[in-house]
Amino acid sequence: MNSGAIAFTSTPLEDDARKINARDHGVAPGDISIGVIIGRTSEFFDFFVYAIASVIVFPNLVFPYVDALTGTLYSFAIFSVAFIARPIGSLIFMTIDRRYGRGTKLTGALFLLGTSTVAIAFLPGYETIGHYAAVVLVALRALQGIALGGTWDGLASLLSLNAPQQQRGWYAMVPQLGAPLALLVASGLFAFFLVNMSSQDFLDWGWRYPFFVAFAINVVALFARLRIVVTHEFARLFEQRDLVPSPVLPTVKKEGRNIIIGAFAPLASFALFHMVTVFPLSWVALYTDQPIERFLIIEMIGASVGLLAIVVSGFIADQIGRRSLLGWSAGGIAVFALMAPLLLNGGDLGEVAFMILGFMLLGLSFGQSSGVVASNFSTEARYTSSALTSDLAWLVGAGFAPLVALALSVRFGLAASGAYLLSGAVATMVALYVNKELAGRDR
């Protein structure tokens, strides 16, 4: 047994939680799925609330002294700070996990995430504190990233590893359902306030309410996940599957190649993720006269399509294999990359087609992008390696996507954003080709 297993009984807090949950005689295995979906929904909701505000709020609130385009680029630069800080959070919270237990780690991480998110709701604008508004926003965004690095609970890996071989694709898609669910709620909230408030009231105080909702959702997610990870039943499952934290530096030294491959394998999906969520919202806000709330509603329709596509990805992956589905999806994304500029710039019908097709492809690829090379990791390093792979994948594939796509489109035209997306598809296909081990373990 790995020495890190001691962490599961390392705090009185977790022992108390186990006693409370003992009345339920343990947690049913199906509860893993519920905990995973709630947890991922809370994380993605924080992500989307900030992402939408980075387009329709922060350029006006924090950077009113520059033109709208420059303000949006500045805002997207701050957007990327969380992805840079996320690996630092993993390093900090993995240490807490080893010393004080997973329950303590999750409590601290989600409390920090909720606190930093709700603190953004109180952000003063440039008119009040000048350039310090940007400094405060950077600091809070960095804290969000650090907190996200600590929210890795191992439940997704546990779910996948305990799934029957013939149902790996189905269980792999479950954690990914949180993204479209979160986008539906976040877009709906902002659309509601935009429709029912004047522009001035929205910029003064209306935009702040979704950040309060984010804190409430984090509290619910904390209890849902703690109920699982601190029970004796699931503590034993974590131990049996060697899903315990290992020291970061030795893990990187041992598993560096697989971590890098794992980060690049879903690159097409992660690049597309922002190309159909954040980037088109910025393009519509900057270069069309369409009401933002109208496009948010289109995003909600797209998210619904993406939700269904994620579910379908589970069925398809169990028939042809996760690796094959990711490869075919990357090919589809490459074709979409060539069409996307024409669709996004093709009026109302073009925008709708862009969102529907984009979310359909996103669902199929993103549904199977979680832990695609987890089976390559040695058992004693699987937990930490999976967390680091996720951090690196989001940093490389998504962290700078809105900034780069918008900057390229402004300078070279929308076709440049398609070329950027195409590069992500090519990177995915190369990573899948290099990853020979997965070909032998997952059809």
Protein backbone atom coordinates (compact mmCIF):
# COMPACT_ATOMS: atom_id res chain seq x y z
CA MET A 1 0.00 0.00 0.00
CA ASN A 2 1.25 3.42 -0.89
CA SER A 3 2.35 5.52 2.11
CA GLY A 4 0.27 8.38 0.79
CA ALA A 5 -2.81 6.42 1.88
CA ILE A 6 -2.20 7.69 5.41
CA ALA A 7 -3.59 11.00 4.21
CA PHE A 8 -7.10 9.58 4.15
CA THR A 9 -7.24 9.38 7.93
CA SER A 10 -5.01 12.29 8.69
CA THR A 11 -7.45 14.82 10.08
CA PRO A 12 -10.15 14.87 12.76
CA LEU A 13 -12.34 16.75 10.25
CA GLU A 14 -12.38 13.80 7.87
CA ASP A 15 -12.96 11.32 10.70
CA ASP A 16 -15.98 13.35 11.78
CA ALA A 17 -17.26 13.41 8.21
CA ARG A 18 -16.96 9.65 8.00
CA LYS A 19 -18.99 9.23 11.18
CA ILE A 20 -21.71 11.51 9.81
CA ASN A 21 -21.88 9.57 6.53
CA ALA A 22 -21.84 6.24 8.30
CA ARG A 23 -25.57 6.62 8.88
CA ASP A 24 -25.99 6.09 5.14
CA HIS A 25 -23.95 2.87 5.31
CA GLY A 26 -21.47 4.16 2.77
CA VAL A 27 -21.94 5.79 -0.58
CA ALA A 28 -23.40 3.95 -3.55
CA PRO A 29 -21.05 3.70 -6.55
CA GLY A 30 -23.53 5.68 -8.65
CA ASP A 31 -22.88 8.62 -6.35
CA ILE A 32 -19.43 8.97 -7.91
CA SER A 33 -21.09 10.14 -11.11
CA ILE A 34 -23.25 12.65 -9.26
CA GLY A 35 -20.29 14.01 -7.33
CA VAL A 36 -18.21 14.30 -10.50
CA ILE A 37 -20.94 16.12 -12.45
CA ILE A 38 -21.70 18.55 -9.61
CA GLY A 39 -18.02 19.21 -9.03
CA ARG A 40 -17.21 19.83 -12.67
CA THR A 41 -20.31 21.99 -13.14
CA SER A 42 -19.24 24.25 -10.28
CA GLU A 43 -15.72 24.63 -11.68
CA PHE A 44 -16.91 25.35 -15.22
CA PHE A 45 -19.58 27.74 -13.96
CA ASP A 46 -16.89 29.87 -12.32
CA PHE A 47 -14.97 29.65 -15.59
CA PHE A 48 -17.87 30.73 -17.80
CA VAL A 49 -19.06 33.51 -15.51
CA TYR A 50 -15.60 35.05 -15.66
CA ALA A 51 -15.25 34.36 -19.41
CA ILE A 52 -18.52 36.11 -20.29
CA ALA A 53 -17.69 39.05 -18.02
CA SER A 54 -14.26 39.32 -19.66
CA VAL A 55 -16.05 40.19 -22.90
CA ILE A 56 -19.05 42.28 -21.87
CA VAL A 57 -18.00 43.82 -18.53
CA PHE A 58 -14.29 44.15 -17.82
CA PRO A 59 -13.30 46.07 -20.98
CA ASN A 60 -15.71 48.82 -19.93
CA LEU A 61 -15.24 48.57 -16.18
CA VAL A 62 -11.48 48.14 -15.93
CA PHE A 63 -10.17 49.51 -19.24
CA PRO A 64 -12.49 52.38 -20.24
CA TYR A 65 -9.51 54.53 -21.22
CA VAL A 66 -8.74 52.45 -24.33
CA ASP A 67 -10.85 51.43 -27.32
CA ALA A 68 -13.14 48.40 -27.09
CA LEU A 69 -10.79 46.06 -28.99
CA THR A 70 -7.75 46.92 -26.89
CA GLY A 71 -9.79 46.62 -23.71
CA THR A 72 -10.98 43.16 -24.75
CA LEU A 73 -7.43 42.04 -25.55
CA TYR A 74 -6.28 43.28 -22.13
CA SER A 75 -9.18 41.44 -20.55
CA PHE A 76 -8.28 38.21 -22.39
CA ALA A 77 -4.68 38.58 -21.23
CA ILE A 78 -5.93 38.60 -17.63
CA PHE A 79 -8.22 35.68 -18.51
CA SER A 80 -5.12 33.56 -19.21
CA VAL A 81 -3.60 34.26 -15.77
CA ALA A 82 -5.71 31.54 -14.14
CA PHE A 83 -4.34 28.89 -16.50
CA ILE A 84 -0.77 29.97 -15.73
CA ALA A 85 -1.44 29.85 -11.98
CA ARG A 86 -3.27 26.52 -12.06
CA PRO A 87 -0.15 24.27 -12.01
CA ILE A 88 1.11 26.28 -9.03
CA GLY A 89 -2.16 25.49 -7.27
CA SER A 90 -1.70 21.80 -8.03
CA LEU A 91 1.75 21.89 -6.45
CA ILE A 92 0.46 23.63 -3.32
CA PHE A 93 -2.66 21.53 -2.85
CA MET A 94 -0.98 18.20 -3.63
CA THR A 95 1.27 18.94 -0.66
CA ILE A 96 -1.79 19.68 1.49
CA ASP A 97 -3.38 16.45 0.23
CA ARG A 98 -0.38 14.35 1.27
CA ARG A 99 -0.10 15.96 4.69
CA TYR A 100 -3.68 16.63 5.74
CA GLY A 101 -5.96 14.57 3.53
CA ARG A 102 -8.13 14.98 0.47
CA GLY A 103 -11.04 16.44 2.42
CA THR A 104 -8.89 19.24 3.80
CA LYS A 105 -7.46 19.89 0.35
CA LEU A 106 -10.88 20.10 -1.31
CA THR A 107 -12.32 22.29 1.43
CA GLY A 108 -9.44 24.74 1.13
CA ALA A 109 -9.43 24.76 -2.66
CA LEU A 110 -13.18 25.23 -3.09
CA PHE A 111 -13.32 27.83 -0.34
CA LEU A 112 -10.53 29.75 -2.09
CA LEU A 113 -12.24 29.36 -5.45
CA GLY A 114 -15.59 30.57 -4.11
CA THR A 115 -14.05 33.44 -2.17
CA SER A 116 -11.92 34.73 -5.05
CA THR A 117 -14.88 34.43 -7.43
CA VAL A 118 -17.34 36.26 -5.20
CA ALA A 119 -14.67 38.90 -4.48
CA ILE A 120 -14.74 39.77 -8.19
CA ALA A 121 -18.37 40.79 -7.67
CA PHE A 122 -17.11 43.63 -5.45
CA LEU A 123 -14.47 44.78 -7.94
CA PRO A 124 -14.30 48.60 -8.15
CA GLY A 125 -13.87 50.05 -11.62
CA TYR A 126 -11.21 52.25 -13.15
CA GLU A 127 -13.28 55.32 -12.34
CA THR A 128 -12.96 54.49 -8.63
CA ILE A 129 -9.41 53.21 -8.10
CA GLY A 130 -7.73 53.76 -11.47
CA HIS A 131 -5.21 51.19 -12.68
CA TYR A 132 -5.44 49.34 -9.38
CA ALA A 133 -8.70 47.86 -10.70
CA ALA A 134 -6.66 45.82 -13.19
CA VAL A 135 -4.16 44.86 -10.48
CA VAL A 136 -6.94 43.59 -8.22
CA LEU A 137 -8.53 41.68 -11.10
CA VAL A 138 -5.21 40.00 -11.95
CA ALA A 139 -4.72 38.99 -8.31
CA LEU A 140 -8.22 37.53 -8.00
CA ARG A 141 -7.89 35.72 -11.33
CA ALA A 142 -4.59 34.22 -10.15
CA LEU A 143 -6.27 33.03 -6.95
CA GLN A 144 -8.98 31.41 -9.04
CA GLY A 145 -6.32 29.54 -10.99
CA ILE A 146 -4.51 28.41 -7.84
CA ALA A 147 -7.80 27.19 -6.41
CA LEU A 148 -8.68 25.30 -9.60
CA GLY A 149 -5.38 23.47 -9.30
CA GLY A 150 -6.55 22.16 -5.94
CA THR A 151 -9.99 21.00 -7.04
CA TRP A 152 -8.65 17.82 -8.61
CA ASP A 153 -10.29 15.13 -6.46
CA GLY A 154 -9.54 11.94 -8.38
CA LEU A 155 -13.23 11.07 -8.74
CA ALA A 156 -13.12 11.17 -12.55
CA SER A 157 -10.16 8.78 -12.60
CA LEU A 158 -11.85 6.56 -10.02
CA LEU A 159 -14.99 6.48 -12.14
CA SER A 160 -13.07 5.53 -15.28
CA LEU A 161 -10.85 2.93 -13.62
CA ASN A 162 -13.81 1.16 -12.02
CA ALA A 163 -15.78 1.07 -15.27
CA PRO A 164 -16.10 -2.20 -17.20
CA GLN A 165 -13.72 -2.35 -20.15
CA GLN A 166 -16.60 -2.25 -22.63
CA GLN A 167 -18.06 0.89 -21.01
CA ARG A 168 -14.95 3.03 -20.60
CA GLY A 169 -16.17 5.56 -23.15
CA TRP A 170 -19.51 5.98 -21.40
CA TYR A 171 -17.94 6.64 -18.02
CA ALA A 172 -15.25 8.87 -19.52
CA MET A 173 -17.89 11.28 -20.81
CA VAL A 174 -19.68 11.70 -17.45
CA PRO A 175 -17.27 14.33 -15.99
CA GLN A 176 -17.47 16.36 -19.21
CA LEU A 177 -21.21 16.96 -18.81
CA GLY A 178 -20.39 19.71 -16.32
CA ALA A 179 -19.14 22.07 -19.05
CA PRO A 180 -22.33 22.45 -21.13
CA LEU A 181 -24.47 22.45 -17.99
CA ALA A 182 -22.40 25.30 -16.57
CA LEU A 183 -22.52 27.24 -19.85
CA LEU A 184 -26.31 26.91 -19.96
CA VAL A 185 -26.69 28.39 -16.48
CA ALA A 186 -24.04 31.10 -16.87
CA SER A 187 -25.30 32.27 -20.28
CA GLY A 188 -28.89 32.18 -19.06
CA LEU A 189 -28.09 34.32 -16.03
CA PHE A 190 -26.28 37.00 -18.01
CA ALA A 191 -28.95 36.98 -20.72
CA PHE A 192 -31.66 37.44 -18.07
CA PHE A 193 -29.97 40.48 -16.55
CA LEU A 194 -29.17 42.00 -19.93
CA VAL A 195 -32.78 41.68 -21.06
CA ASN A 196 -34.33 43.01 -17.85
CA MET A 197 -31.95 45.85 -16.99
CA SER A 198 -30.74 49.00 -18.63
CA SER A 199 -27.19 48.96 -19.97
CA GLN A 200 -26.04 51.36 -17.27
CA ASP A 201 -27.60 49.37 -14.42
CA PHE A 202 -26.10 46.17 -15.79
CA LEU A 203 -22.61 47.67 -15.91
CA ASP A 204 -23.05 49.29 -12.49
CA TRP A 205 -24.27 46.27 -10.53
CA GLY A 206 -26.27 43.72 -12.55
CA TRP A 207 -23.24 41.79 -13.78
CA ARG A 208 -22.18 41.09 -10.21
CA TYR A 209 -25.01 38.69 -9.36
CA PRO A 210 -23.73 35.68 -11.36
CA PHE A 211 -20.54 35.81 -9.29
CA PHE A 212 -22.60 35.51 -6.10
CA VAL A 213 -24.37 32.50 -7.61
CA ALA A 214 -20.96 30.95 -8.32
CA PHE A 215 -20.12 31.02 -4.62
CA ALA A 216 -23.39 29.27 -3.73
CA ILE A 217 -22.79 26.56 -6.34
CA ASN A 218 -19.28 25.98 -4.96
CA VAL A 219 -20.71 25.37 -1.49
CA VAL A 220 -23.12 22.75 -2.87
CA ALA A 221 -20.28 21.13 -4.82
CA LEU A 222 -18.07 21.01 -1.74
CA PHE A 223 -20.60 19.03 0.29
CA ALA A 224 -21.43 16.74 -2.64
CA ARG A 225 -17.78 15.84 -3.16
CA LEU A 226 -16.78 15.62 0.50
CA ARG A 227 -19.60 13.17 1.11
CA ILE A 228 -17.82 10.81 -1.27
CA VAL A 229 -14.09 11.32 -0.84
CA VAL A 230 -14.04 11.15 2.98
CA THR A 231 -16.06 7.94 3.43
CA HIS A 232 -14.19 4.75 4.32
CA GLU A 233 -15.67 2.91 1.34
CA PHE A 234 -14.27 5.30 -1.23
CA ALA A 235 -11.06 5.94 0.68
CA ARG A 236 -10.33 2.23 0.22
CA LEU A 237 -11.17 2.47 -3.50
CA PHE A 238 -8.79 5.41 -3.89
CA GLU A 239 -6.07 3.43 -2.14
CA GLN A 240 -6.68 0.22 -4.11
CA ARG A 241 -6.41 2.15 -7.37
CA ASP A 242 -3.32 4.00 -6.14
CA LEU A 243 -5.18 7.31 -6.55
CA VAL A 244 -3.10 8.98 -3.88
CA PRO A 245 -0.85 12.00 -4.39
CA SER A 246 2.81 11.47 -5.19
CA PRO A 247 5.51 14.18 -4.95
CA VAL A 248 5.28 16.45 -7.98
CA LEU A 249 8.92 16.73 -9.09
CA PRO A 250 9.70 12.98 -9.01
CA THR A 251 6.41 12.35 -10.81
CA VAL A 252 7.29 14.81 -13.57
CA LYS A 253 10.73 13.24 -13.92
CA LYS A 254 9.25 9.76 -14.24
CA GLU A 255 6.11 10.48 -16.27
CA GLY A 256 7.11 13.62 -18.20
CA ARG A 257 6.69 12.07 -21.64
CA ASN A 258 3.20 10.74 -20.94
CA ILE A 259 2.16 14.00 -19.29
CA ILE A 260 3.16 15.95 -22.40
CA ILE A 261 1.42 13.50 -24.73
CA GLY A 262 -1.65 13.60 -22.51
CA ALA A 263 -1.70 17.38 -22.65
CA PHE A 264 -1.50 17.51 -26.45
CA ALA A 265 -3.91 14.65 -27.19
CA PRO A 266 -7.03 16.76 -26.46
CA LEU A 267 -5.60 19.99 -27.91
CA ALA A 268 -8.12 20.14 -30.78
CA SER A 269 -10.98 19.82 -28.33
CA PHE A 270 -9.64 22.42 -25.92
CA ALA A 271 -8.90 24.90 -28.70
CA LEU A 272 -12.40 24.41 -30.11
CA PHE A 273 -13.77 24.85 -26.58
CA HIS A 274 -12.94 28.55 -26.61
CA MET A 275 -13.54 29.00 -30.32
CA VAL A 276 -17.26 28.31 -29.82
CA THR A 277 -17.72 29.93 -26.40
CA VAL A 278 -15.55 32.95 -25.60
CA PHE A 279 -14.10 33.98 -28.97
CA PRO A 280 -17.36 34.30 -30.99
CA LEU A 281 -18.92 36.28 -28.15
CA SER A 282 -16.07 38.79 -28.39
CA TRP A 283 -16.36 38.97 -32.18
CA VAL A 284 -20.11 39.62 -32.02
CA ALA A 285 -19.65 42.24 -29.30
CA LEU A 286 -16.93 44.07 -31.19
CA TYR A 287 -17.91 43.79 -34.84
CA THR A 288 -21.68 43.42 -35.06
CA ASP A 289 -24.70 45.35 -33.87
CA GLN A 290 -26.42 42.27 -32.51
CA PRO A 291 -27.62 42.33 -28.89
CA ILE A 292 -25.29 40.30 -26.68
CA GLU A 293 -28.23 38.58 -25.01
CA ARG A 294 -29.31 37.20 -28.41
CA PHE A 295 -25.95 35.54 -28.93
CA LEU A 296 -25.96 34.22 -25.36
CA ILE A 297 -29.23 32.48 -26.17
CA ILE A 298 -27.62 30.99 -29.28
CA GLU A 299 -24.81 29.78 -27.03
CA MET A 300 -27.38 28.12 -24.79
CA ILE A 301 -28.79 26.29 -27.81
CA GLY A 302 -25.28 25.27 -28.79
CA ALA A 303 -24.56 24.07 -25.24
CA SER A 304 -27.67 21.89 -25.38
CA VAL A 305 -26.41 20.33 -28.61
CA GLY A 306 -22.99 19.88 -27.00
CA LEU A 307 -24.57 18.16 -24.00
CA LEU A 308 -26.29 15.61 -26.25
CA ALA A 309 -23.11 15.13 -28.30
CA ILE A 310 -21.11 14.36 -25.15
CA VAL A 311 -23.60 11.62 -24.25
CA VAL A 312 -23.43 10.24 -27.80
CA SER A 313 -19.62 10.23 -27.58
CA GLY A 314 -19.88 7.67 -24.81
CA PHE A 315 -21.81 5.26 -27.02
CA ILE A 316 -19.55 5.77 -30.03
CA ALA A 317 -16.32 5.43 -28.02
CA ASP A 318 -17.48 2.09 -26.62
CA GLN A 319 -17.97 0.86 -30.18
CA ILE A 320 -14.83 2.11 -31.92
CA GLY A 321 -12.55 3.09 -29.01
CA ARG A 322 -11.73 6.44 -27.39
CA ARG A 323 -8.53 6.92 -29.36
CA SER A 324 -10.29 6.36 -32.67
CA LEU A 325 -13.10 8.75 -31.78
CA LEU A 326 -10.61 11.45 -30.75
CA GLY A 327 -8.75 10.97 -34.03
CA TRP A 328 -11.88 11.19 -36.18
CA SER A 329 -13.11 14.17 -34.15
CA ALA A 330 -9.80 15.94 -34.70
CA GLY A 331 -10.25 15.38 -38.44
CA GLY A 332 -13.76 16.83 -38.22
CA ILE A 333 -12.44 19.84 -36.29
CA ALA A 334 -9.80 20.36 -39.00
CA VAL A 335 -12.54 20.52 -41.64
CA PHE A 336 -14.62 22.79 -39.42
CA ALA A 337 -11.61 25.09 -39.00
CA LEU A 338 -11.70 25.76 -42.74
CA MET A 339 -15.44 26.50 -42.69
CA ALA A 340 -15.65 28.40 -39.39
CA PRO A 341 -14.58 31.88 -40.62
CA LEU A 342 -17.17 31.82 -43.40
CA LEU A 343 -19.92 30.69 -41.04
CA LEU A 344 -19.16 33.15 -38.25
CA ASN A 345 -19.10 35.98 -40.76
CA GLY A 346 -22.16 34.68 -42.61
CA GLY A 347 -24.96 36.56 -40.90
CA ASP A 348 -27.64 35.16 -38.61
CA LEU A 349 -27.92 31.73 -40.20
CA GLY A 350 -24.18 31.43 -40.48
CA GLU A 351 -23.70 32.17 -36.79
CA VAL A 352 -26.29 29.59 -35.78
CA ALA A 353 -24.69 26.99 -38.07
CA PHE A 354 -21.26 27.88 -36.65
CA MET A 355 -22.47 27.30 -33.10
CA ILE A 356 -24.45 24.11 -33.79
CA LEU A 357 -21.69 22.42 -35.80
CA GLY A 358 -19.00 23.66 -33.43
CA PHE A 359 -20.75 22.39 -30.32
CA MET A 360 -21.57 19.09 -32.00
CA LEU A 361 -17.90 18.49 -32.74
CA LEU A 362 -16.91 19.82 -29.34
CA GLY A 363 -19.23 17.38 -27.59
CA LEU A 364 -17.90 14.39 -29.50
CA SER A 365 -14.27 15.28 -28.87
CA PHE A 366 -14.48 16.91 -25.44
CA GLY A 367 -16.61 14.02 -24.20
CA GLN A 368 -13.62 11.69 -24.50
CA SER A 369 -10.76 14.13 -23.82
CA SER A 370 -10.54 13.51 -20.08
CA GLY A 371 -7.59 11.36 -19.06
CA VAL A 372 -7.10 9.88 -22.50
CA VAL A 373 -3.61 8.55 -21.62
CA ALA A 374 -4.27 7.84 -17.92
CA SER A 375 -3.68 4.14 -18.55
CA ASN A 376 -0.10 4.95 -19.55
CA PHE A 377 0.78 6.28 -16.10
CA SER A 378 2.35 4.00 -13.51
CA THR A 379 -0.13 3.24 -10.73
CA GLU A 380 1.78 5.02 -8.00
CA ALA A 381 1.97 8.23 -10.07
CA ARG A 382 -1.46 8.12 -11.72
CA TYR A 383 -3.25 10.60 -9.45
CA THR A 384 -0.65 13.37 -9.60
CA SER A 385 0.17 12.72 -13.27
CA SER A 386 -3.49 13.04 -14.25
CA ALA A 387 -3.82 16.34 -12.38
CA LEU A 388 -0.68 17.78 -14.01
CA THR A 389 -1.78 16.58 -17.44
CA SER A 390 -5.11 18.38 -17.03
CA ASP A 391 -3.34 21.57 -15.95
CA LEU A 392 -0.95 21.51 -18.89
CA ALA A 393 -3.68 20.65 -21.39
CA TRP A 394 -5.80 23.64 -20.33
CA LEU A 395 -2.78 25.94 -20.32
CA VAL A 396 -1.54 24.95 -23.79
CA GLY A 397 -4.87 24.29 -25.45
CA ALA A 398 -7.20 26.84 -23.89
CA GLY A 399 -5.51 29.42 -21.71
CA PHE A 400 -4.44 31.78 -24.49
CA ALA A 401 -6.98 30.73 -27.13
CA PRO A 402 -9.34 33.75 -26.87
CA LEU A 403 -6.44 36.22 -26.85
CA VAL A 404 -4.58 34.59 -29.74
CA ALA A 405 -7.69 33.96 -31.85
CA LEU A 406 -8.94 37.54 -31.48
CA ALA A 407 -5.52 39.09 -32.07
CA LEU A 408 -4.93 36.97 -35.19
CA SER A 409 -8.42 37.67 -36.55
CA VAL A 410 -8.06 41.42 -36.12
CA ARG A 411 -4.68 41.47 -37.82
CA PHE A 412 -5.14 38.87 -40.57
CA GLY A 413 -8.89 38.28 -40.79
CA LEU A 414 -11.18 35.55 -39.47
CA ALA A 415 -9.41 32.96 -41.59
CA ALA A 416 -6.46 33.23 -39.21
CA SER A 417 -8.61 32.00 -36.32
CA GLY A 418 -9.47 28.98 -38.46
CA ALA A 419 -5.77 28.34 -39.03
CA TYR A 420 -5.21 28.52 -35.28
CA LEU A 421 -7.91 25.91 -34.69
CA LEU A 422 -6.46 23.76 -37.47
CA SER A 423 -3.09 23.73 -35.71
CA GLY A 424 -4.77 22.31 -32.61
CA ALA A 425 -6.38 19.53 -34.66
CA VAL A 426 -3.02 18.63 -36.20
CA ALA A 427 -1.38 18.57 -32.74
CA THR A 428 -4.03 16.16 -31.49
CA MET A 429 -3.54 13.78 -34.41
CA VAL A 430 0.23 13.83 -33.95
CA ALA A 431 -0.09 13.16 -30.20
CA LEU A 432 -2.47 10.25 -30.81
CA TYR A 433 -0.10 8.80 -33.38
CA VAL A 434 2.85 9.05 -31.00
CA ASN A 435 0.83 7.49 -28.20
CA LYS A 436 1.27 3.91 -29.32
CA GLU A 437 0.53 2.52 -25.85
CA LEU A 438 -3.08 3.70 -25.95
CA ALA A 439 -3.62 1.94 -29.27
CA GLY A 440 -2.94 -1.36 -27.57
CA ARG A 441 -5.14 -0.72 -24.52
CA ASP A 442 -8.09 1.13 -25.97
CA ARG A 443 -9.29 0.10 -29.41
